[in-house]
N, C-alpha and C. Protein backbone atom coordinates (compact mmCIF):
# COMPACT_ATOMS: atom_id res chain seq x y z
N MET A 1 21.55 14.56 -95.11
CA MET A 1 22.92 14.20 -95.49
C MET A 1 23.71 13.71 -94.28
N PHE A 2 23.51 14.38 -93.12
CA PHE A 2 24.22 13.98 -91.91
C PHE A 2 23.79 12.58 -91.47
N THR A 3 22.47 12.32 -91.55
CA THR A 3 21.97 10.98 -91.21
C THR A 3 22.55 9.93 -92.13
N PHE A 4 22.67 10.27 -93.41
CA PHE A 4 23.28 9.35 -94.37
C PHE A 4 24.71 9.02 -93.98
N LYS A 5 25.46 10.04 -93.52
CA LYS A 5 26.84 9.82 -93.10
C LYS A 5 26.90 8.85 -91.92
N LEU A 6 25.98 9.01 -90.98
CA LEU A 6 25.95 8.13 -89.81
C LEU A 6 25.68 6.68 -90.23
N ILE A 7 24.69 6.50 -91.09
CA ILE A 7 24.32 5.15 -91.55
C ILE A 7 25.45 4.57 -92.39
N PHE A 8 26.04 5.40 -93.25
CA PHE A 8 27.13 4.94 -94.10
C PHE A 8 28.31 4.42 -93.27
N GLY A 9 28.62 5.13 -92.17
CA GLY A 9 29.72 4.70 -91.31
C GLY A 9 29.48 3.32 -90.72
N VAL A 10 28.25 3.07 -90.28
CA VAL A 10 27.90 1.77 -89.71
C VAL A 10 28.01 0.68 -90.76
N VAL A 11 27.41 0.91 -91.93
CA VAL A 11 27.39 -0.09 -93.00
C VAL A 11 28.80 -0.37 -93.50
N LEU A 12 29.62 0.68 -93.63
CA LEU A 12 30.98 0.51 -94.14
C LEU A 12 31.81 -0.36 -93.22
N ASN A 13 31.76 -0.10 -91.93
CA ASN A 13 32.54 -0.91 -90.98
C ASN A 13 32.09 -2.36 -90.97
N LEU A 14 30.78 -2.57 -91.00
CA LEU A 14 30.27 -3.95 -91.06
C LEU A 14 30.73 -4.66 -92.32
N ALA A 15 30.69 -3.94 -93.44
CA ALA A 15 31.11 -4.54 -94.71
C ALA A 15 32.59 -4.90 -94.69
N ILE A 16 33.42 -4.02 -94.13
CA ILE A 16 34.86 -4.28 -94.07
C ILE A 16 35.14 -5.51 -93.22
N PHE A 17 34.55 -5.56 -92.03
CA PHE A 17 34.75 -6.73 -91.17
C PHE A 17 34.22 -7.99 -91.85
N GLY A 18 33.05 -7.88 -92.47
CA GLY A 18 32.46 -9.05 -93.12
C GLY A 18 33.33 -9.61 -94.23
N VAL A 19 33.84 -8.75 -95.08
CA VAL A 19 34.70 -9.18 -96.19
C VAL A 19 35.99 -9.81 -95.67
N PHE A 20 36.63 -9.14 -94.70
CA PHE A 20 37.92 -9.63 -94.19
C PHE A 20 37.78 -10.90 -93.36
N LEU A 21 36.58 -11.22 -92.91
CA LEU A 21 36.39 -12.45 -92.14
C LEU A 21 35.88 -13.60 -93.02
N PHE A 22 34.84 -13.34 -93.80
CA PHE A 22 34.18 -14.44 -94.51
C PHE A 22 34.87 -14.83 -95.81
N VAL A 23 35.50 -13.88 -96.49
CA VAL A 23 36.17 -14.23 -97.76
C VAL A 23 37.33 -15.20 -97.53
N PRO A 24 38.28 -14.91 -96.64
CA PRO A 24 39.35 -15.90 -96.41
C PRO A 24 38.86 -17.16 -95.73
N ALA A 25 37.75 -17.08 -95.00
CA ALA A 25 37.19 -18.29 -94.37
C ALA A 25 36.64 -19.23 -95.43
N GLY A 26 36.14 -18.68 -96.52
CA GLY A 26 35.59 -19.50 -97.60
C GLY A 26 34.24 -20.08 -97.28
N THR A 27 33.60 -19.56 -96.24
CA THR A 27 32.28 -20.05 -95.85
C THR A 27 31.54 -18.99 -95.06
N LEU A 28 30.21 -19.06 -95.12
CA LEU A 28 29.38 -18.18 -94.31
C LEU A 28 28.91 -18.88 -93.04
N HIS A 29 29.23 -20.16 -92.94
CA HIS A 29 28.81 -20.96 -91.78
C HIS A 29 29.83 -20.82 -90.65
N TRP A 30 29.79 -19.66 -90.01
CA TRP A 30 30.72 -19.35 -88.93
C TRP A 30 29.97 -18.49 -87.93
N TRP A 31 29.31 -19.15 -86.98
CA TRP A 31 28.40 -18.43 -86.09
C TRP A 31 29.12 -17.40 -85.23
N ARG A 32 30.36 -17.68 -84.86
CA ARG A 32 31.10 -16.71 -84.04
C ARG A 32 31.32 -15.40 -84.79
N ALA A 33 31.58 -15.49 -86.08
CA ALA A 33 31.77 -14.28 -86.89
C ALA A 33 30.46 -13.50 -86.99
N TRP A 34 29.34 -14.21 -87.15
CA TRP A 34 28.05 -13.53 -87.22
C TRP A 34 27.73 -12.86 -85.88
N ALA A 35 28.01 -13.56 -84.78
CA ALA A 35 27.80 -12.97 -83.46
C ALA A 35 28.68 -11.73 -83.28
N PHE A 36 29.92 -11.84 -83.76
CA PHE A 36 30.85 -10.72 -83.69
C PHE A 36 30.33 -9.52 -84.46
N LEU A 37 29.81 -9.75 -85.67
CA LEU A 37 29.24 -8.66 -86.46
C LEU A 37 28.03 -8.04 -85.76
N GLY A 38 27.28 -8.87 -85.04
CA GLY A 38 26.15 -8.35 -84.28
C GLY A 38 26.60 -7.40 -83.18
N VAL A 39 27.70 -7.77 -82.50
CA VAL A 39 28.26 -6.91 -81.46
C VAL A 39 28.79 -5.62 -82.08
N VAL A 40 29.47 -5.74 -83.22
CA VAL A 40 29.99 -4.55 -83.91
C VAL A 40 28.84 -3.63 -84.32
N LEU A 41 27.76 -4.22 -84.84
CA LEU A 41 26.60 -3.41 -85.25
C LEU A 41 26.04 -2.64 -84.05
N ALA A 42 25.85 -3.35 -82.93
CA ALA A 42 25.30 -2.69 -81.75
C ALA A 42 26.22 -1.59 -81.25
N ALA A 43 27.54 -1.87 -81.25
CA ALA A 43 28.51 -0.88 -80.79
C ALA A 43 28.56 0.32 -81.72
N GLU A 44 28.52 0.06 -83.03
CA GLU A 44 28.54 1.13 -84.02
C GLU A 44 27.34 2.05 -83.86
N VAL A 45 26.16 1.46 -83.75
CA VAL A 45 24.93 2.26 -83.62
C VAL A 45 24.98 3.10 -82.35
N ALA A 46 25.42 2.48 -81.24
CA ALA A 46 25.51 3.21 -79.98
C ALA A 46 26.49 4.37 -80.08
N THR A 47 27.62 4.14 -80.75
CA THR A 47 28.63 5.20 -80.89
C THR A 47 28.14 6.31 -81.80
N MET A 48 27.52 5.93 -82.91
CA MET A 48 27.02 6.95 -83.83
C MET A 48 25.94 7.81 -83.18
N VAL A 49 25.02 7.17 -82.45
CA VAL A 49 23.93 7.91 -81.81
C VAL A 49 24.43 8.69 -80.60
N GLY A 50 25.27 8.06 -79.78
CA GLY A 50 25.70 8.68 -78.54
C GLY A 50 26.83 9.67 -78.67
N VAL A 51 27.62 9.57 -79.74
CA VAL A 51 28.80 10.43 -79.88
C VAL A 51 28.72 11.29 -81.13
N PHE A 52 28.71 10.66 -82.29
CA PHE A 52 28.85 11.41 -83.53
C PHE A 52 27.60 12.18 -83.95
N SER A 53 26.42 11.74 -83.48
CA SER A 53 25.19 12.44 -83.88
C SER A 53 25.13 13.86 -83.32
N THR A 54 25.92 14.13 -82.28
CA THR A 54 25.95 15.47 -81.69
C THR A 54 27.23 16.22 -82.02
N ASN A 55 28.06 15.64 -82.88
CA ASN A 55 29.33 16.29 -83.22
C ASN A 55 29.68 16.00 -84.67
N GLU A 56 29.08 16.77 -85.57
CA GLU A 56 29.28 16.55 -87.00
C GLU A 56 30.72 16.85 -87.42
N GLU A 57 31.36 17.82 -86.76
CA GLU A 57 32.74 18.16 -87.10
C GLU A 57 33.66 16.97 -86.86
N LEU A 58 33.47 16.29 -85.74
CA LEU A 58 34.29 15.12 -85.43
C LEU A 58 34.03 14.00 -86.43
N LEU A 59 32.77 13.79 -86.78
CA LEU A 59 32.44 12.76 -87.77
C LEU A 59 33.13 13.06 -89.09
N ASN A 60 33.11 14.32 -89.51
CA ASN A 60 33.77 14.70 -90.76
C ASN A 60 35.27 14.45 -90.68
N GLU A 61 35.86 14.71 -89.52
CA GLU A 61 37.29 14.45 -89.34
C GLU A 61 37.59 12.97 -89.48
N ARG A 62 36.75 12.14 -88.88
CA ARG A 62 36.99 10.69 -88.91
C ARG A 62 36.83 10.11 -90.30
N TYR A 63 36.09 10.80 -91.17
CA TYR A 63 35.89 10.32 -92.53
C TYR A 63 37.03 10.72 -93.47
N LYS A 64 37.92 11.55 -92.99
CA LYS A 64 39.02 11.99 -93.85
C LYS A 64 40.02 10.85 -94.07
N PRO A 65 40.77 10.86 -95.17
CA PRO A 65 41.70 9.77 -95.51
C PRO A 65 42.89 9.70 -94.55
N PRO A 66 43.60 8.58 -94.53
CA PRO A 66 44.75 8.41 -93.63
C PRO A 66 45.97 9.23 -94.02
N ILE A 67 45.94 9.82 -95.22
CA ILE A 67 47.01 10.72 -95.66
C ILE A 67 46.38 12.08 -95.90
N GLN A 68 46.87 13.10 -95.14
CA GLN A 68 46.27 14.42 -95.23
C GLN A 68 47.31 15.52 -95.32
N LYS A 69 46.89 16.68 -95.76
CA LYS A 69 47.74 17.85 -95.83
C LYS A 69 48.10 18.29 -94.40
N GLY A 70 49.36 18.65 -94.20
CA GLY A 70 49.80 19.10 -92.90
C GLY A 70 50.21 17.96 -91.97
N GLN A 71 50.06 16.75 -92.44
CA GLN A 71 50.43 15.57 -91.65
C GLN A 71 51.91 15.26 -91.86
N PRO A 72 52.69 15.15 -90.79
CA PRO A 72 54.12 14.85 -90.95
C PRO A 72 54.35 13.52 -91.67
N LEU A 73 55.45 13.43 -92.38
CA LEU A 73 55.78 12.22 -93.15
C LEU A 73 55.82 10.99 -92.25
N ALA A 74 56.40 11.12 -91.06
CA ALA A 74 56.51 9.98 -90.16
C ALA A 74 55.13 9.43 -89.81
N ASP A 75 54.16 10.32 -89.60
CA ASP A 75 52.82 9.85 -89.26
C ASP A 75 52.12 9.23 -90.46
N LYS A 76 52.43 9.72 -91.65
CA LYS A 76 51.86 9.10 -92.85
C LYS A 76 52.29 7.64 -92.93
N VAL A 77 53.57 7.40 -92.68
CA VAL A 77 54.10 6.04 -92.72
C VAL A 77 53.48 5.20 -91.63
N LEU A 78 53.42 5.74 -90.40
CA LEU A 78 52.89 5.00 -89.26
C LEU A 78 51.40 4.72 -89.43
N THR A 79 50.66 5.69 -89.94
CA THR A 79 49.21 5.51 -90.12
C THR A 79 48.91 4.43 -91.15
N VAL A 80 49.59 4.47 -92.28
CA VAL A 80 49.39 3.44 -93.31
C VAL A 80 49.79 2.07 -92.77
N ALA A 81 50.92 2.02 -92.04
CA ALA A 81 51.36 0.76 -91.46
C ALA A 81 50.35 0.22 -90.47
N LEU A 82 49.72 1.12 -89.68
CA LEU A 82 48.73 0.71 -88.70
C LEU A 82 47.48 0.14 -89.38
N VAL A 83 47.02 0.80 -90.43
CA VAL A 83 45.84 0.31 -91.17
C VAL A 83 46.12 -1.07 -91.76
N VAL A 84 47.30 -1.22 -92.37
CA VAL A 84 47.67 -2.51 -92.97
C VAL A 84 47.78 -3.59 -91.90
N ALA A 85 48.40 -3.26 -90.76
CA ALA A 85 48.58 -4.23 -89.69
C ALA A 85 47.24 -4.64 -89.09
N PHE A 86 46.34 -3.68 -88.89
CA PHE A 86 45.02 -4.00 -88.33
C PHE A 86 44.25 -4.92 -89.29
N CYS A 87 44.21 -4.54 -90.57
CA CYS A 87 43.52 -5.37 -91.56
C CYS A 87 44.17 -6.75 -91.66
N GLY A 88 45.50 -6.79 -91.50
CA GLY A 88 46.21 -8.05 -91.56
C GLY A 88 45.80 -8.99 -90.43
N VAL A 89 45.62 -8.44 -89.23
CA VAL A 89 45.19 -9.26 -88.10
C VAL A 89 43.80 -9.83 -88.35
N VAL A 90 42.87 -8.96 -88.80
CA VAL A 90 41.50 -9.42 -89.07
C VAL A 90 41.50 -10.50 -90.15
N TYR A 91 42.26 -10.27 -91.22
CA TYR A 91 42.31 -11.23 -92.33
C TYR A 91 42.95 -12.55 -91.91
N PHE A 92 43.91 -12.47 -91.00
CA PHE A 92 44.64 -13.67 -90.57
C PHE A 92 43.79 -14.58 -89.70
N ILE A 93 42.82 -14.01 -88.99
CA ILE A 93 41.99 -14.82 -88.07
C ILE A 93 41.32 -15.99 -88.80
N PRO A 94 40.52 -15.75 -89.86
CA PRO A 94 39.89 -16.89 -90.54
C PRO A 94 40.89 -17.82 -91.22
N LEU A 95 42.02 -17.26 -91.68
CA LEU A 95 43.04 -18.13 -92.28
C LEU A 95 43.53 -19.15 -91.26
N ASP A 96 43.75 -18.68 -90.03
CA ASP A 96 44.23 -19.58 -88.99
C ASP A 96 43.13 -20.55 -88.54
N VAL A 97 41.91 -20.03 -88.36
CA VAL A 97 40.81 -20.85 -87.85
C VAL A 97 40.42 -21.95 -88.84
N PHE A 98 40.39 -21.63 -90.14
CA PHE A 98 39.87 -22.58 -91.12
C PHE A 98 40.95 -23.30 -91.94
N ARG A 99 42.18 -22.77 -91.96
CA ARG A 99 43.18 -23.36 -92.85
C ARG A 99 44.49 -23.71 -92.16
N LEU A 100 45.07 -22.78 -91.44
CA LEU A 100 46.42 -22.98 -90.92
C LEU A 100 46.46 -23.79 -89.62
N HIS A 101 45.52 -23.51 -88.72
CA HIS A 101 45.45 -24.20 -87.42
C HIS A 101 46.80 -24.19 -86.71
N LEU A 102 47.38 -23.00 -86.57
CA LEU A 102 48.73 -22.89 -85.99
C LEU A 102 48.76 -23.21 -84.51
N THR A 103 47.69 -22.90 -83.81
CA THR A 103 47.62 -23.18 -82.37
C THR A 103 46.27 -23.79 -82.04
N GLY A 104 46.16 -24.29 -80.83
CA GLY A 104 44.87 -24.79 -80.38
C GLY A 104 43.88 -23.64 -80.21
N LYS A 105 42.61 -23.96 -80.23
CA LYS A 105 41.59 -22.92 -80.10
C LYS A 105 41.34 -22.57 -78.64
N PRO A 106 41.10 -21.29 -78.34
CA PRO A 106 40.74 -20.91 -76.98
C PRO A 106 39.44 -21.60 -76.55
N GLY A 107 39.37 -21.96 -75.26
CA GLY A 107 38.16 -22.56 -74.74
C GLY A 107 37.05 -21.53 -74.62
N ALA A 108 35.88 -21.99 -74.19
CA ALA A 108 34.71 -21.13 -74.13
C ALA A 108 34.92 -19.92 -73.22
N LEU A 109 35.56 -20.13 -72.06
CA LEU A 109 35.76 -19.05 -71.10
C LEU A 109 36.69 -17.98 -71.65
N VAL A 110 37.84 -18.42 -72.20
CA VAL A 110 38.81 -17.48 -72.77
C VAL A 110 38.20 -16.76 -73.97
N SER A 111 37.45 -17.49 -74.76
CA SER A 111 36.83 -16.91 -75.94
C SER A 111 35.83 -15.83 -75.55
N PHE A 112 35.00 -16.12 -74.54
CA PHE A 112 34.02 -15.13 -74.09
C PHE A 112 34.72 -13.92 -73.48
N ALA A 113 35.81 -14.17 -72.76
CA ALA A 113 36.59 -13.07 -72.19
C ALA A 113 37.11 -12.16 -73.31
N GLY A 114 37.45 -12.77 -74.45
CA GLY A 114 37.89 -12.00 -75.60
C GLY A 114 36.81 -11.06 -76.10
N LEU A 115 35.57 -11.54 -76.12
CA LEU A 115 34.46 -10.69 -76.56
C LEU A 115 34.25 -9.53 -75.59
N VAL A 116 34.42 -9.81 -74.31
CA VAL A 116 34.30 -8.75 -73.29
C VAL A 116 35.42 -7.72 -73.48
N LEU A 117 36.64 -8.19 -73.75
CA LEU A 117 37.76 -7.29 -74.00
C LEU A 117 37.49 -6.40 -75.21
N PHE A 118 36.96 -7.00 -76.28
CA PHE A 118 36.65 -6.24 -77.48
C PHE A 118 35.64 -5.14 -77.17
N ALA A 119 34.57 -5.49 -76.45
CA ALA A 119 33.54 -4.52 -76.11
C ALA A 119 34.09 -3.42 -75.21
N ALA A 120 34.94 -3.81 -74.25
CA ALA A 120 35.54 -2.84 -73.34
C ALA A 120 36.44 -1.86 -74.09
N GLY A 121 37.23 -2.40 -75.02
CA GLY A 121 38.09 -1.55 -75.83
C GLY A 121 37.29 -0.57 -76.66
N TRP A 122 36.20 -1.06 -77.25
CA TRP A 122 35.35 -0.18 -78.06
C TRP A 122 34.75 0.92 -77.18
N LEU A 123 34.32 0.56 -75.96
CA LEU A 123 33.73 1.54 -75.05
C LEU A 123 34.74 2.63 -74.68
N ILE A 124 35.97 2.22 -74.38
CA ILE A 124 37.01 3.20 -74.03
C ILE A 124 37.24 4.16 -75.19
N MET A 125 37.32 3.62 -76.39
CA MET A 125 37.53 4.47 -77.56
C MET A 125 36.34 5.42 -77.78
N SER A 126 35.13 4.92 -77.58
CA SER A 126 33.94 5.76 -77.75
C SER A 126 33.93 6.90 -76.74
N LEU A 127 34.33 6.61 -75.50
CA LEU A 127 34.41 7.65 -74.48
C LEU A 127 35.45 8.71 -74.87
N GLY A 128 36.53 8.24 -75.51
CA GLY A 128 37.54 9.17 -76.00
C GLY A 128 36.99 10.09 -77.08
N PHE A 129 36.23 9.50 -78.02
CA PHE A 129 35.61 10.31 -79.07
C PHE A 129 34.63 11.32 -78.48
N LYS A 130 33.88 10.89 -77.49
CA LYS A 130 32.86 11.76 -76.88
C LYS A 130 33.51 12.97 -76.21
N GLU A 131 34.69 12.76 -75.64
CA GLU A 131 35.36 13.83 -74.88
C GLU A 131 36.21 14.74 -75.77
N ASN A 132 36.74 14.17 -76.86
CA ASN A 132 37.73 14.90 -77.67
C ASN A 132 37.20 15.18 -79.07
N ALA A 133 36.78 16.41 -79.29
CA ALA A 133 36.26 16.80 -80.60
C ALA A 133 37.36 16.93 -81.64
N PHE A 134 38.63 16.85 -81.20
CA PHE A 134 39.76 16.99 -82.12
C PHE A 134 40.39 15.64 -82.46
N ALA A 135 39.68 14.55 -82.18
CA ALA A 135 40.24 13.20 -82.36
C ALA A 135 40.30 12.82 -83.84
N ALA A 136 41.19 13.46 -84.56
CA ALA A 136 41.38 13.16 -85.99
C ALA A 136 42.10 11.82 -86.15
N PRO A 137 41.94 11.16 -87.28
CA PRO A 137 42.63 9.87 -87.49
C PRO A 137 44.12 10.02 -87.77
N VAL A 138 44.59 11.25 -87.94
CA VAL A 138 46.01 11.48 -88.21
C VAL A 138 46.55 12.51 -87.23
N VAL A 139 47.87 12.58 -87.13
CA VAL A 139 48.52 13.58 -86.30
C VAL A 139 48.67 14.87 -87.11
N LYS A 140 48.06 15.93 -86.61
CA LYS A 140 48.17 17.23 -87.28
C LYS A 140 47.73 18.31 -86.30
N HIS A 141 48.13 19.54 -86.57
CA HIS A 141 47.73 20.67 -85.75
C HIS A 141 46.48 21.29 -86.36
N GLN A 142 45.35 21.17 -85.67
CA GLN A 142 44.09 21.69 -86.18
C GLN A 142 43.91 23.15 -85.75
N GLU A 143 44.75 23.98 -86.30
CA GLU A 143 44.77 25.38 -85.91
C GLU A 143 43.45 26.08 -86.21
N GLU A 144 42.84 25.73 -87.35
CA GLU A 144 41.60 26.39 -87.74
C GLU A 144 40.44 26.05 -86.80
N ARG A 145 40.58 24.94 -86.06
CA ARG A 145 39.54 24.54 -85.10
C ARG A 145 39.94 24.88 -83.67
N HIS A 146 41.04 25.63 -83.53
CA HIS A 146 41.53 26.05 -82.20
C HIS A 146 41.76 24.83 -81.29
N GLN A 147 42.52 23.90 -81.80
CA GLN A 147 42.80 22.67 -81.06
C GLN A 147 43.48 22.95 -79.72
N ARG A 148 43.07 22.22 -78.71
CA ARG A 148 43.67 22.35 -77.38
C ARG A 148 43.83 20.96 -76.77
N VAL A 149 44.58 20.90 -75.70
CA VAL A 149 44.79 19.63 -75.00
C VAL A 149 43.53 19.27 -74.21
N ILE A 150 43.10 18.03 -74.31
CA ILE A 150 41.93 17.54 -73.57
C ILE A 150 42.41 16.75 -72.36
N ASP A 151 41.94 17.14 -71.18
CA ASP A 151 42.35 16.42 -69.97
C ASP A 151 41.16 16.10 -69.07
N THR A 152 39.96 16.08 -69.65
CA THR A 152 38.76 15.78 -68.89
C THR A 152 38.21 14.41 -69.28
N GLY A 153 37.23 13.92 -68.50
CA GLY A 153 36.61 12.64 -68.80
C GLY A 153 37.63 11.51 -68.78
N VAL A 154 37.57 10.65 -69.77
CA VAL A 154 38.48 9.51 -69.84
C VAL A 154 39.92 9.97 -70.04
N TYR A 155 40.11 11.19 -70.59
CA TYR A 155 41.46 11.73 -70.77
C TYR A 155 42.09 12.12 -69.43
N GLY A 156 41.28 12.22 -68.38
CA GLY A 156 41.82 12.47 -67.06
C GLY A 156 42.35 11.20 -66.41
N VAL A 157 42.07 10.06 -67.06
CA VAL A 157 42.52 8.76 -66.55
C VAL A 157 43.70 8.23 -67.36
N VAL A 158 43.61 8.34 -68.68
CA VAL A 158 44.67 7.85 -69.55
C VAL A 158 44.89 8.88 -70.66
N ARG A 159 46.14 9.12 -70.99
CA ARG A 159 46.49 10.17 -71.95
C ARG A 159 45.99 9.88 -73.36
N HIS A 160 46.03 8.62 -73.75
CA HIS A 160 45.63 8.24 -75.11
C HIS A 160 44.55 7.15 -75.07
N PRO A 161 43.31 7.50 -74.72
CA PRO A 161 42.26 6.48 -74.60
C PRO A 161 41.94 5.77 -75.92
N LEU A 162 42.08 6.46 -77.05
CA LEU A 162 41.79 5.80 -78.33
C LEU A 162 42.79 4.69 -78.58
N HIS A 163 44.05 4.95 -78.30
CA HIS A 163 45.08 3.94 -78.48
C HIS A 163 45.00 2.86 -77.40
N ALA A 164 44.71 3.30 -76.17
CA ALA A 164 44.60 2.34 -75.06
C ALA A 164 43.43 1.39 -75.29
N GLY A 165 42.31 1.91 -75.78
CA GLY A 165 41.15 1.08 -76.06
C GLY A 165 41.38 0.10 -77.19
N ALA A 166 42.25 0.49 -78.12
CA ALA A 166 42.54 -0.39 -79.26
C ALA A 166 43.26 -1.67 -78.84
N ILE A 167 43.98 -1.63 -77.71
CA ILE A 167 44.75 -2.79 -77.28
C ILE A 167 43.84 -3.97 -76.89
N PRO A 168 42.89 -3.79 -75.94
CA PRO A 168 41.99 -4.91 -75.65
C PRO A 168 41.12 -5.28 -76.83
N LEU A 169 40.78 -4.30 -77.67
CA LEU A 169 39.98 -4.59 -78.86
C LEU A 169 40.73 -5.53 -79.80
N LEU A 170 42.01 -5.22 -80.03
CA LEU A 170 42.82 -6.03 -80.94
C LEU A 170 43.09 -7.44 -80.41
N ILE A 171 43.23 -7.56 -79.11
CA ILE A 171 43.48 -8.88 -78.51
C ILE A 171 42.19 -9.66 -78.36
N GLY A 172 41.13 -8.97 -77.96
CA GLY A 172 39.86 -9.65 -77.71
C GLY A 172 39.21 -10.22 -78.95
N MET A 173 39.31 -9.51 -80.07
CA MET A 173 38.67 -9.96 -81.31
C MET A 173 39.13 -11.35 -81.74
N PRO A 174 40.43 -11.62 -81.87
CA PRO A 174 40.85 -12.96 -82.28
C PRO A 174 40.58 -14.03 -81.21
N LEU A 175 40.57 -13.65 -79.94
CA LEU A 175 40.25 -14.63 -78.91
C LEU A 175 38.80 -15.09 -79.03
N TRP A 176 37.88 -14.16 -79.26
CA TRP A 176 36.48 -14.55 -79.45
C TRP A 176 36.33 -15.42 -80.69
N LEU A 177 37.04 -15.08 -81.75
CA LEU A 177 36.94 -15.84 -83.00
C LEU A 177 37.83 -17.08 -83.00
N GLN A 178 38.49 -17.33 -81.86
CA GLN A 178 39.22 -18.58 -81.59
C GLN A 178 40.52 -18.74 -82.38
N SER A 179 41.38 -17.72 -82.28
CA SER A 179 42.71 -17.82 -82.87
C SER A 179 43.75 -17.22 -81.93
N TYR A 180 44.46 -18.07 -81.21
CA TYR A 180 45.55 -17.59 -80.36
C TYR A 180 46.65 -16.95 -81.21
N ALA A 181 46.89 -17.53 -82.39
CA ALA A 181 47.96 -17.02 -83.26
C ALA A 181 47.69 -15.58 -83.68
N ALA A 182 46.42 -15.27 -84.01
CA ALA A 182 46.07 -13.91 -84.40
C ALA A 182 46.17 -12.95 -83.21
N ALA A 183 45.85 -13.46 -82.01
CA ALA A 183 45.99 -12.63 -80.81
C ALA A 183 47.46 -12.25 -80.60
N LEU A 184 48.35 -13.19 -80.87
CA LEU A 184 49.78 -12.90 -80.78
C LEU A 184 50.22 -11.93 -81.87
N LEU A 185 49.64 -12.08 -83.06
CA LEU A 185 49.97 -11.20 -84.17
C LEU A 185 49.55 -9.75 -83.88
N ALA A 186 48.59 -9.58 -82.98
CA ALA A 186 48.14 -8.23 -82.62
C ALA A 186 49.26 -7.40 -82.01
N ILE A 187 50.35 -8.04 -81.63
CA ILE A 187 51.51 -7.31 -81.12
C ILE A 187 52.01 -6.30 -82.16
N VAL A 188 51.88 -6.63 -83.44
CA VAL A 188 52.38 -5.74 -84.51
C VAL A 188 51.64 -4.40 -84.52
N PRO A 189 50.29 -4.38 -84.67
CA PRO A 189 49.63 -3.08 -84.64
C PRO A 189 49.75 -2.37 -83.30
N ILE A 190 49.81 -3.13 -82.20
CA ILE A 190 49.98 -2.50 -80.89
C ILE A 190 51.34 -1.81 -80.81
N GLY A 191 52.38 -2.44 -81.35
CA GLY A 191 53.70 -1.83 -81.39
C GLY A 191 53.72 -0.56 -82.22
N ILE A 192 52.99 -0.57 -83.34
CA ILE A 192 52.90 0.63 -84.18
C ILE A 192 52.17 1.74 -83.43
N LEU A 193 51.12 1.39 -82.68
CA LEU A 193 50.41 2.37 -81.87
C LEU A 193 51.34 3.02 -80.85
N ALA A 194 52.18 2.20 -80.21
CA ALA A 194 53.12 2.72 -79.21
C ALA A 194 54.08 3.72 -79.84
N ALA A 195 54.59 3.39 -81.03
CA ALA A 195 55.50 4.29 -81.74
C ALA A 195 54.78 5.58 -82.13
N ARG A 196 53.53 5.44 -82.52
CA ARG A 196 52.74 6.60 -82.96
C ARG A 196 52.45 7.53 -81.77
N ILE A 197 52.20 6.95 -80.60
CA ILE A 197 51.96 7.75 -79.40
C ILE A 197 53.17 8.64 -79.12
N ARG A 198 54.35 8.05 -79.17
CA ARG A 198 55.56 8.80 -78.88
C ARG A 198 55.75 9.94 -79.87
N PHE A 199 55.53 9.65 -81.15
CA PHE A 199 55.68 10.70 -82.17
C PHE A 199 54.62 11.79 -81.98
N GLU A 200 53.39 11.38 -81.69
CA GLU A 200 52.31 12.35 -81.54
C GLU A 200 52.57 13.29 -80.37
N GLU A 201 53.06 12.76 -79.25
CA GLU A 201 53.35 13.59 -78.09
C GLU A 201 54.41 14.64 -78.43
N GLU A 202 55.47 14.22 -79.11
CA GLU A 202 56.54 15.16 -79.48
C GLU A 202 56.00 16.24 -80.42
N PHE A 203 55.17 15.83 -81.37
CA PHE A 203 54.60 16.77 -82.35
C PHE A 203 53.71 17.80 -81.65
N LEU A 204 52.82 17.33 -80.77
CA LEU A 204 51.88 18.22 -80.10
C LEU A 204 52.59 19.17 -79.12
N ARG A 205 53.67 18.69 -78.51
CA ARG A 205 54.44 19.58 -77.64
C ARG A 205 55.01 20.75 -78.45
N ARG A 206 55.54 20.44 -79.64
CA ARG A 206 56.09 21.49 -80.49
C ARG A 206 54.99 22.47 -80.92
């Protein structure tokens, strides 16, 4: 059952990215998107094997819905807004690349740098998951799991590595897929992350 959960997580993320990229594109002939899915697959497998395969409790936490019992109302709003904003950025990329053409396309160097940023962001987030067994997708006090502050590993460098890693990930993804407009749109989910950090810090202090 645990192995099934690991495989399901990989397949689900690939399916979500695939649908949000290829459906609005209206075509499967988009090699950059296929290359991107290949990178996501490799990153997902590495994260599942290197992080979640040794921490079933954390995997179970990550599978929980974005609205949970004990979660403050403000975080419910911010979490739903973040999910919508992230999906909106992904969905907007093919719309801009194949239909809107709002800006010129990034050149090969900038585009490749975007892929590096995406991979770096994913790595930072994975290191955060590896270090923090309490990394739930929502803000809540995990009293039953004896939650404590984590200040080791990547948390000794940056207070919120999951949020910090999301920034290069959000910017790098549209740059690799060649949409400057979507990279600019990433300001929306990044702004929501910033607001969520502030709320989370106040909540955890209390």
